[in-house]
Amino acid sequence: MDKMKKIYWWIQQINRIGGTEMVSLDLANSLVDHYDITFISTVKIREDIPYKIDPRIKLISLGIPPRCEQIDYLSKKYLKHFRIFSLLFLLLQIMYHYVIRRGYYRKKVYKLLEKDNATLICSSIDTYLLAPKKGRVFFHYHFDSDSFFNRDGWAVKRSRRPDKFIFLSNATKNEIVEKQPDLKDIATYIYNPIRFESVLNTDYFDNTIVFVGRYAEQKNPLLTLAIAKELKERNFKFKLKMFGNGPLLDEVMKYYEDNNLQDVVEINGFSEHVNEEILHSDMLLVTSRYEGFSLVMSEANALSRPWVSSNYGNTLKERLVKDRNGVVVEGENPKDYADAIMELLSDKDKLKKMKEYSYEESKKLSKEVIVPEWIKILG
């Protein structure tokens, strides 16, 4: 039997649930029949890994302290509590590992590529920064064009030029290439696949709404609660179930308690059976400020559930099929979201039709369609 081609897949961490990690590991589980895959975690790996990983996939780590990948959350926390010395120590740690030790990590990873004649897939900004200058390296970018040029722009400019940039949508690729034409020949896109098979189910669940995502600024969970408050004040019958965890959990609980939402909202941690939770709802609510290609939106459609979503970017043009799989709301006014939700859930015939359409639209993102695209690029 011919030796399998070696792939090193580099992610930031594997200790907690994250969208990038979830997509990367799920793709690897589907590709491991075709490739010898090893995951590299930038930070140390703890024992309690919250992902299902094919036993054929190997795991290694660069051993960087886990707190280094939580700079956004920790820096805000330290500033809020005037912990200046803690913040300075964190910044010194970041500088030590990503500036002073950068060459060391690059050489360490390149030796792996050279030894196995392997391909490296980098899936986050820290992996771009530490990627070796030599070797076959792909950058898999998980956000939109605004994030690419603004929030992540400084890091992209300070990283090596990859052999291939893999974006999550055609819109994102085109917007980036338009502003940076030198990437045209190395830019492509592949949609994120759905983790499970599509299910046609048009059952009605008494206006149950689900929110699935980290309690972080990106996902804007406080807007989700503000929408619930607005619906409650309008005496609209509904139930909102939130599933997630993250740095804004304390703020989420405070808003929940201060506004007496206990009778209409459930706050839950991450569920290992989130597909069942979605299946026993009527719609998904998405309030994200930015996204690459929201996995949970695809999964909701696969389970015959439409979504009401914030307009988080042009990628939505490739997600939304009007009057079929979802509704997009402009801005962050809870009243506008409440209007859209009430219109969708109050018309039971329309809701049933959109559940059927959502199921049909999801087939475009099945693994049978997406995995061959990865094999084509990887060779």
Protein backbone atom coordinates (compact mmCIF):
# COMPACT_ATOMS: atom_id res chain seq x y z
CA MET A 1 0.00 0.00 0.00
CA ASP A 2 1.29 3.47 -0.91
CA LYS A 3 2.33 5.69 1.96
CA MET A 4 -0.30 8.31 2.81
CA LYS A 5 0.54 11.95 2.24
CA LYS A 6 1.38 13.71 5.52
CA ILE A 7 -0.62 16.73 6.68
CA TYR A 8 0.19 18.89 9.71
CA TRP A 9 -2.88 20.92 10.74
CA TRP A 10 -2.03 23.79 13.07
CA ILE A 11 -4.64 25.28 15.40
CA GLN A 12 -4.41 27.71 18.30
CA GLN A 13 -5.73 25.43 21.04
CA ILE A 14 -7.65 22.25 21.64
CA ASN A 15 -8.66 22.76 25.29
CA ARG A 16 -12.01 24.50 24.82
CA ILE A 17 -14.75 24.73 22.22
CA GLY A 18 -14.02 27.14 19.40
CA GLY A 19 -15.45 27.50 15.91
CA THR A 20 -12.12 27.32 14.09
CA GLU A 21 -11.05 24.25 16.02
CA MET A 22 -14.40 22.56 15.59
CA VAL A 23 -14.37 23.03 11.82
CA SER A 24 -10.72 21.99 11.47
CA LEU A 25 -11.07 18.82 13.53
CA ASP A 26 -14.31 17.83 11.81
CA LEU A 27 -12.67 18.25 8.40
CA ALA A 28 -9.69 16.19 9.54
CA ASN A 29 -12.01 13.42 10.75
CA SER A 30 -13.39 13.26 7.21
CA LEU A 31 -9.97 13.44 5.52
CA VAL A 32 -8.08 10.93 7.67
CA ASP A 33 -9.04 8.11 5.30
CA HIS A 34 -6.95 9.86 2.66
CA TYR A 35 -4.10 11.49 4.63
CA ASP A 36 -1.81 10.90 7.60
CA ILE A 37 -2.87 13.84 9.81
CA THR A 38 -1.20 15.35 12.87
CA PHE A 39 -2.67 18.34 14.70
CA ILE A 40 -0.35 20.93 16.21
CA SER A 41 -1.71 23.02 19.10
CA THR A 42 0.08 26.32 19.71
CA VAL A 43 -0.59 26.13 23.45
CA LYS A 44 -0.20 23.28 25.91
CA ILE A 45 -2.81 20.53 25.65
CA ARG A 46 -4.77 19.62 28.76
CA GLU A 47 -6.25 16.17 29.29
CA ASP A 48 -9.91 17.17 29.01
CA ILE A 49 -10.21 17.67 25.24
CA PRO A 50 -13.86 18.54 24.41
CA TYR A 51 -13.80 17.24 20.82
CA LYS A 52 -14.46 13.92 19.12
CA ILE A 53 -11.22 13.08 17.29
CA ASP A 54 -10.58 10.06 15.09
CA PRO A 55 -8.00 7.88 16.91
CA ARG A 56 -5.83 7.86 13.77
CA ILE A 57 -5.23 11.61 14.16
CA LYS A 58 -2.14 12.43 16.20
CA LEU A 59 -1.77 15.45 18.54
CA ILE A 60 1.35 17.47 19.41
CA SER A 61 1.88 20.87 21.04
CA LEU A 62 4.40 23.71 20.94
CA GLY A 63 3.85 24.10 24.69
CA ILE A 64 3.14 27.85 24.81
CA PRO A 65 1.19 28.79 28.00
CA PRO A 66 -2.59 28.67 27.38
CA ARG A 67 -3.06 32.22 28.76
CA CYS A 68 -1.19 33.56 25.70
CA GLU A 69 -4.09 32.63 23.40
CA GLN A 70 -6.58 34.45 25.64
CA ILE A 71 -4.99 37.88 25.31
CA ASP A 72 -8.23 39.63 24.28
CA TYR A 73 -10.20 38.34 27.25
CA LEU A 74 -7.42 38.58 29.85
CA SER A 75 -6.23 42.05 28.86
CA LYS A 76 -9.76 43.45 29.25
CA LYS A 77 -10.18 41.63 32.54
CA TYR A 78 -6.89 42.99 33.93
CA LEU A 79 -7.66 46.55 32.81
CA LYS A 80 -11.16 46.37 34.28
CA HIS A 81 -9.74 45.40 37.69
CA PHE A 82 -6.65 47.66 37.40
CA ARG A 83 -4.30 44.66 37.47
CA ILE A 84 -1.55 46.48 35.63
CA PHE A 85 1.28 44.14 36.63
CA SER A 86 -0.72 41.10 35.48
CA LEU A 87 -1.30 42.81 32.14
CA LEU A 88 2.39 43.70 31.77
CA PHE A 89 3.43 40.13 32.56
CA LEU A 90 0.97 38.82 29.95
CA LEU A 91 2.33 41.21 27.30
CA LEU A 92 5.89 40.19 28.14
CA GLN A 93 4.89 36.53 27.75
CA ILE A 94 3.35 37.27 24.36
CA MET A 95 6.48 39.12 23.24
CA TYR A 96 8.75 36.33 24.46
CA HIS A 97 6.93 33.57 22.59
CA TYR A 98 5.81 35.40 19.43
CA VAL A 99 8.82 37.69 18.90
CA ILE A 100 11.92 36.42 20.73
CA ARG A 101 11.16 32.68 20.27
CA ARG A 102 9.54 33.05 16.85
CA GLY A 103 12.58 31.71 14.99
CA TYR A 104 12.79 28.69 17.29
CA TYR A 105 9.17 27.68 16.67
CA ARG A 106 9.53 28.22 12.92
CA LYS A 107 12.53 25.90 12.75
CA LYS A 108 10.81 23.29 14.91
CA VAL A 109 7.77 23.12 12.62
CA TYR A 110 9.85 23.25 9.44
CA LYS A 111 11.83 20.19 10.57
CA LEU A 112 8.53 18.28 10.74
CA LEU A 113 7.57 19.37 7.23
CA GLU A 114 11.00 18.58 5.82
CA LYS A 115 11.19 15.16 7.48
CA ASP A 116 7.81 14.03 6.17
CA ASN A 117 7.65 16.07 2.93
CA ALA A 118 4.40 17.32 4.42
CA THR A 119 1.87 20.08 3.88
CA LEU A 120 1.09 22.50 6.72
CA ILE A 121 -2.38 24.02 7.15
CA CYS A 122 -2.43 27.07 9.45
CA SER A 123 -5.85 27.98 10.87
CA SER A 124 -5.35 31.05 13.07
CA ILE A 125 -3.38 34.29 13.27
CA ASP A 126 -0.84 32.96 15.77
CA THR A 127 -0.10 30.04 13.46
CA TYR A 128 0.43 32.44 10.53
CA LEU A 129 2.94 34.44 12.59
CA LEU A 130 4.89 31.34 13.59
CA ALA A 131 4.65 29.52 10.26
CA PRO A 132 8.06 28.52 8.83
CA LYS A 133 9.38 30.57 5.92
CA LYS A 134 10.08 27.43 3.90
CA GLY A 135 7.89 24.46 3.06
CA ARG A 136 4.42 23.95 1.57
CA VAL A 137 2.09 26.04 3.74
CA PHE A 138 -1.62 26.84 3.35
CA PHE A 139 -3.42 29.55 5.36
CA HIS A 140 -7.06 28.65 6.10
CA TYR A 141 -8.68 31.99 7.02
CA HIS A 142 -11.84 31.67 9.12
CA PHE A 143 -13.21 35.23 9.09
CA ASP A 144 -14.43 37.87 6.64
CA SER A 145 -12.60 40.48 4.56
CA ASP A 146 -13.10 43.27 7.12
CA SER A 147 -11.32 41.19 9.76
CA PHE A 148 -8.60 40.29 7.25
CA PHE A 149 -7.69 43.92 6.55
CA ASN A 150 -8.44 45.48 9.94
CA ARG A 151 -8.27 43.33 13.07
CA ASP A 152 -5.92 40.72 11.57
CA GLY A 153 -4.18 42.88 8.97
CA TRP A 154 -1.05 43.62 11.00
CA ALA A 155 -0.41 39.92 11.60
CA VAL A 156 -1.04 38.88 7.99
CA LYS A 157 1.49 41.47 6.80
CA ARG A 158 4.11 40.14 9.23
CA SER A 159 3.61 36.51 8.23
CA ARG A 160 5.11 34.59 5.35
CA ARG A 161 3.32 34.44 2.01
CA PRO A 162 1.52 31.07 1.93
CA ASP A 163 1.37 28.73 -1.04
CA LYS A 164 -2.39 28.97 -0.83
CA PHE A 165 -4.94 31.17 0.95
CA ILE A 166 -8.16 29.23 1.57
CA PHE A 167 -11.09 31.51 2.42
CA LEU A 168 -14.56 30.47 3.58
CA SER A 169 -16.61 32.05 0.82
CA ASN A 170 -16.34 33.39 -2.71
CA ALA A 171 -17.41 36.84 -1.50
CA THR A 172 -14.58 36.98 1.05
CA LYS A 173 -12.04 35.81 -1.53
CA ASN A 174 -13.16 38.35 -4.14
CA GLU A 175 -13.19 41.27 -1.70
CA ILE A 176 -9.66 40.46 -0.50
CA VAL A 177 -8.26 39.90 -4.00
CA GLU A 178 -9.82 43.17 -5.19
CA LYS A 179 -7.86 45.09 -2.55
CA GLN A 180 -4.78 42.88 -2.73
CA PRO A 181 -4.43 41.67 -6.36
CA ASP A 182 -1.08 39.99 -5.67
CA LEU A 183 -3.03 37.21 -3.88
CA LYS A 184 -5.11 36.34 -6.96
CA ASP A 185 -3.06 33.32 -8.03
CA ILE A 186 -2.93 31.77 -4.56
CA ALA A 187 -6.46 32.58 -3.33
CA THR A 188 -9.32 30.09 -3.34
CA TYR A 189 -12.32 29.28 -1.17
CA ILE A 190 -14.10 26.25 0.27
CA TYR A 191 -17.32 26.41 2.29
CA ASN A 192 -17.39 24.81 5.72
CA PRO A 193 -19.20 21.45 5.58
CA ILE A 194 -22.06 20.43 7.83
CA ARG A 195 -21.00 17.95 10.51
CA PHE A 196 -24.00 15.66 10.19
CA GLU A 197 -26.53 14.52 7.60
CA SER A 198 -29.51 16.73 6.74
CA VAL A 199 -32.83 15.84 8.36
CA LEU A 200 -36.25 16.85 7.08
CA ASN A 201 -38.36 17.75 10.11
CA THR A 202 -41.20 20.29 10.08
CA ASP A 203 -42.48 19.70 13.62
CA TYR A 204 -43.58 22.76 15.56
CA PHE A 205 -42.14 23.46 19.05
CA ASP A 206 -44.21 26.33 20.48
CA ASN A 207 -41.96 29.14 19.20
CA THR A 208 -38.75 27.78 20.69
CA ILE A 209 -35.67 29.77 19.65
CA VAL A 210 -32.06 28.66 20.09
CA PHE A 211 -28.80 30.62 20.33
CA VAL A 212 -25.60 28.57 19.95
CA GLY A 213 -22.18 30.18 20.33
CA ARG A 214 -19.53 31.50 22.67
CA TYR A 215 -20.60 34.17 25.14
CA ALA A 216 -18.12 36.61 23.62
CA GLU A 217 -18.27 40.03 21.97
CA GLN A 218 -18.11 38.49 18.50
CA LYS A 219 -21.36 36.55 19.08
CA ASN A 220 -23.04 39.48 20.91
CA PRO A 221 -25.09 37.41 23.40
CA LEU A 222 -26.28 40.54 25.24
CA LEU A 223 -28.16 41.57 22.09
CA THR A 224 -29.77 38.13 22.09
CA LEU A 225 -31.04 38.76 25.63
CA ALA A 226 -32.19 42.27 24.71
CA ILE A 227 -34.26 40.72 21.89
CA ALA A 228 -35.78 38.27 24.39
CA LYS A 229 -36.63 41.19 26.67
CA GLU A 230 -38.33 42.99 23.78
CA LEU A 231 -40.37 39.91 22.85
CA LYS A 232 -41.41 39.44 26.46
CA GLU A 233 -42.51 43.07 26.77
CA ARG A 234 -44.69 42.56 23.68
CA ASN A 235 -46.34 39.56 25.39
CA PHE A 236 -45.24 37.28 22.57
CA LYS A 237 -45.24 33.61 23.53
CA PHE A 238 -41.78 32.08 23.04
CA LYS A 239 -38.89 30.26 24.70
CA LEU A 240 -35.21 31.10 24.12
CA LYS A 241 -32.55 28.49 24.89
CA MET A 242 -28.94 29.67 24.89
CA PHE A 243 -26.04 27.23 24.61
CA GLY A 244 -22.45 28.36 25.04
CA ASN A 245 -19.73 29.57 27.34
CA GLY A 246 -17.10 32.25 27.30
CA PRO A 247 -15.71 35.47 28.78
CA LEU A 248 -19.05 37.32 28.87
CA LEU A 249 -20.82 34.69 30.97
CA ASP A 250 -20.94 36.97 34.05
CA GLU A 251 -22.43 39.84 32.02
CA VAL A 252 -24.92 37.47 30.41
CA MET A 253 -26.08 36.17 33.80
CA LYS A 254 -26.34 39.69 35.23
CA TYR A 255 -28.51 40.92 32.33
CA TYR A 256 -30.61 37.75 32.56
CA GLU A 257 -31.25 38.25 36.29
CA ASP A 258 -31.58 42.06 36.25
CA ASN A 259 -34.30 41.86 33.58
CA ASN A 260 -36.16 38.89 35.09
CA LEU A 261 -35.93 36.71 32.00
CA GLN A 262 -36.06 33.41 33.88
CA ASP A 263 -39.56 32.58 32.61
CA VAL A 264 -38.66 32.93 28.92
CA VAL A 265 -34.90 32.24 28.70
CA GLU A 266 -32.66 29.28 29.59
CA ILE A 267 -28.90 29.87 29.97
CA ASN A 268 -26.95 26.67 29.31
CA GLY A 269 -23.36 25.65 28.80
CA PHE A 270 -22.19 23.99 25.60
CA SER A 271 -24.19 20.90 24.74
CA GLU A 272 -22.63 17.78 23.24
CA HIS A 273 -26.02 17.14 21.67
CA VAL A 274 -26.64 20.59 20.23
CA ASN A 275 -28.09 19.03 17.07
CA GLU A 276 -30.92 17.62 19.20
CA GLU A 277 -31.48 21.02 20.79
CA ILE A 278 -31.72 22.66 17.36
CA LEU A 279 -33.99 19.92 16.08
CA HIS A 280 -36.37 20.56 19.00
CA SER A 281 -36.64 24.26 18.22
CA ASP A 282 -38.35 26.35 15.53
CA MET A 283 -35.49 28.66 14.55
CA LEU A 284 -31.93 29.77 15.24
CA LEU A 285 -31.08 33.31 16.36
CA VAL A 286 -27.68 34.71 15.29
CA THR A 287 -26.52 38.10 16.62
CA SER A 288 -22.84 37.98 15.61
CA ARG A 289 -20.91 41.16 14.86
CA TYR A 290 -18.63 39.30 12.46
CA GLU A 291 -18.29 35.76 11.15
CA GLY A 292 -16.36 33.82 8.57
CA PHE A 293 -18.86 31.15 7.57
CA SER A 294 -21.05 30.37 10.56
CA LEU A 295 -21.12 26.60 11.09
CA VAL A 296 -24.19 26.63 13.32
CA MET A 297 -26.24 28.42 10.63
CA SER A 298 -25.49 25.61 8.20
CA GLU A 299 -26.31 23.01 10.82
CA ALA A 300 -29.62 24.68 11.65
CA ASN A 301 -30.60 24.58 7.97
CA ALA A 302 -29.51 20.93 7.80
CA LEU A 303 -31.94 20.22 10.63
CA SER A 304 -34.74 22.02 8.77
CA ARG A 305 -34.49 25.15 10.87
CA PRO A 306 -34.37 28.67 9.39
CA TRP A 307 -32.48 31.47 11.11
CA VAL A 308 -32.87 35.15 11.89
CA SER A 309 -29.41 36.69 11.66
CA SER A 310 -27.56 39.95 12.02
CA ASN A 311 -25.98 41.26 8.81
CA TYR A 312 -22.43 40.32 9.79
CA GLY A 313 -20.92 40.75 6.31
CA ASN A 314 -21.06 39.98 2.61
CA THR A 315 -20.61 36.26 3.20
CA LEU A 316 -24.33 36.27 4.02
CA LYS A 317 -25.05 36.88 0.33
CA GLU A 318 -23.93 33.30 -0.25
CA ARG A 319 -25.83 31.97 2.75
CA LEU A 320 -29.21 33.66 2.37
CA VAL A 321 -31.75 32.45 -0.14
CA LYS A 322 -34.58 34.91 0.43
CA ASP A 323 -37.81 33.45 1.82
CA ARG A 324 -36.18 30.01 1.99
CA ASN A 325 -33.53 29.49 4.68
CA GLY A 326 -33.39 32.65 6.78
CA VAL A 327 -33.96 36.34 7.44
CA VAL A 328 -31.28 39.03 7.77
CA VAL A 329 -31.73 42.05 10.06
CA GLU A 330 -29.69 45.25 9.76
CA GLY A 331 -28.11 46.91 12.81
CA GLU A 332 -28.46 46.02 16.49
CA ASN A 333 -31.90 47.33 17.39
CA PRO A 334 -33.73 44.62 19.40
CA LYS A 335 -37.07 45.86 18.07
CA ASP A 336 -36.11 45.05 14.48
CA TYR A 337 -35.14 41.51 15.45
CA ALA A 338 -38.34 41.10 17.43
CA ASP A 339 -40.34 42.19 14.37
CA ALA A 340 -38.59 39.61 12.16
CA ILE A 341 -38.98 36.80 14.70
CA MET A 342 -42.66 37.50 15.30
CA GLU A 343 -43.36 37.65 11.57
CA LEU A 344 -41.63 34.30 11.00
CA LEU A 345 -43.09 32.43 13.98
CA SER A 346 -46.62 33.82 13.74
CA ASP A 347 -47.24 32.43 10.25
CA LYS A 348 -47.19 28.67 10.77
CA ASP A 349 -47.59 27.84 7.07
CA LYS A 350 -44.64 30.07 6.15
CA LEU A 351 -42.58 28.63 8.99
CA LYS A 352 -43.25 25.07 7.79
CA LYS A 353 -42.30 25.99 4.23
CA MET A 354 -39.07 27.62 5.38
CA LYS A 355 -38.19 24.51 7.36
CA GLU A 356 -38.59 22.46 4.18
CA TYR A 357 -36.58 24.96 2.11
CA SER A 358 -33.82 25.12 4.77
CA TYR A 359 -33.41 21.37 4.52
CA GLU A 360 -33.07 21.54 0.73
CA GLU A 361 -30.58 24.42 0.79
CA SER A 362 -28.35 22.64 3.30
CA LYS A 363 -27.53 19.86 0.83
CA LYS A 364 -25.11 22.23 -0.93
CA LEU A 365 -22.86 22.05 2.14
CA SER A 366 -22.78 18.31 2.73
CA LYS A 367 -19.46 16.54 3.27
CA GLU A 368 -20.06 14.65 0.03
CA VAL A 369 -19.77 18.01 -1.73
CA ILE A 370 -17.12 19.77 0.39
CA VAL A 371 -14.56 17.04 1.28
CA PRO A 372 -13.66 16.35 -2.40
CA GLU A 373 -12.85 20.06 -2.74
CA TRP A 374 -10.24 19.70 0.02
CA ILE A 375 -8.80 16.58 -1.57
CA LYS A 376 -8.51 18.47 -4.84
CA ILE A 377 -6.49 21.26 -3.19
CA LEU A 378 -4.33 19.04 -0.99
CA GLY A 379 -3.48 16.69 -3.84
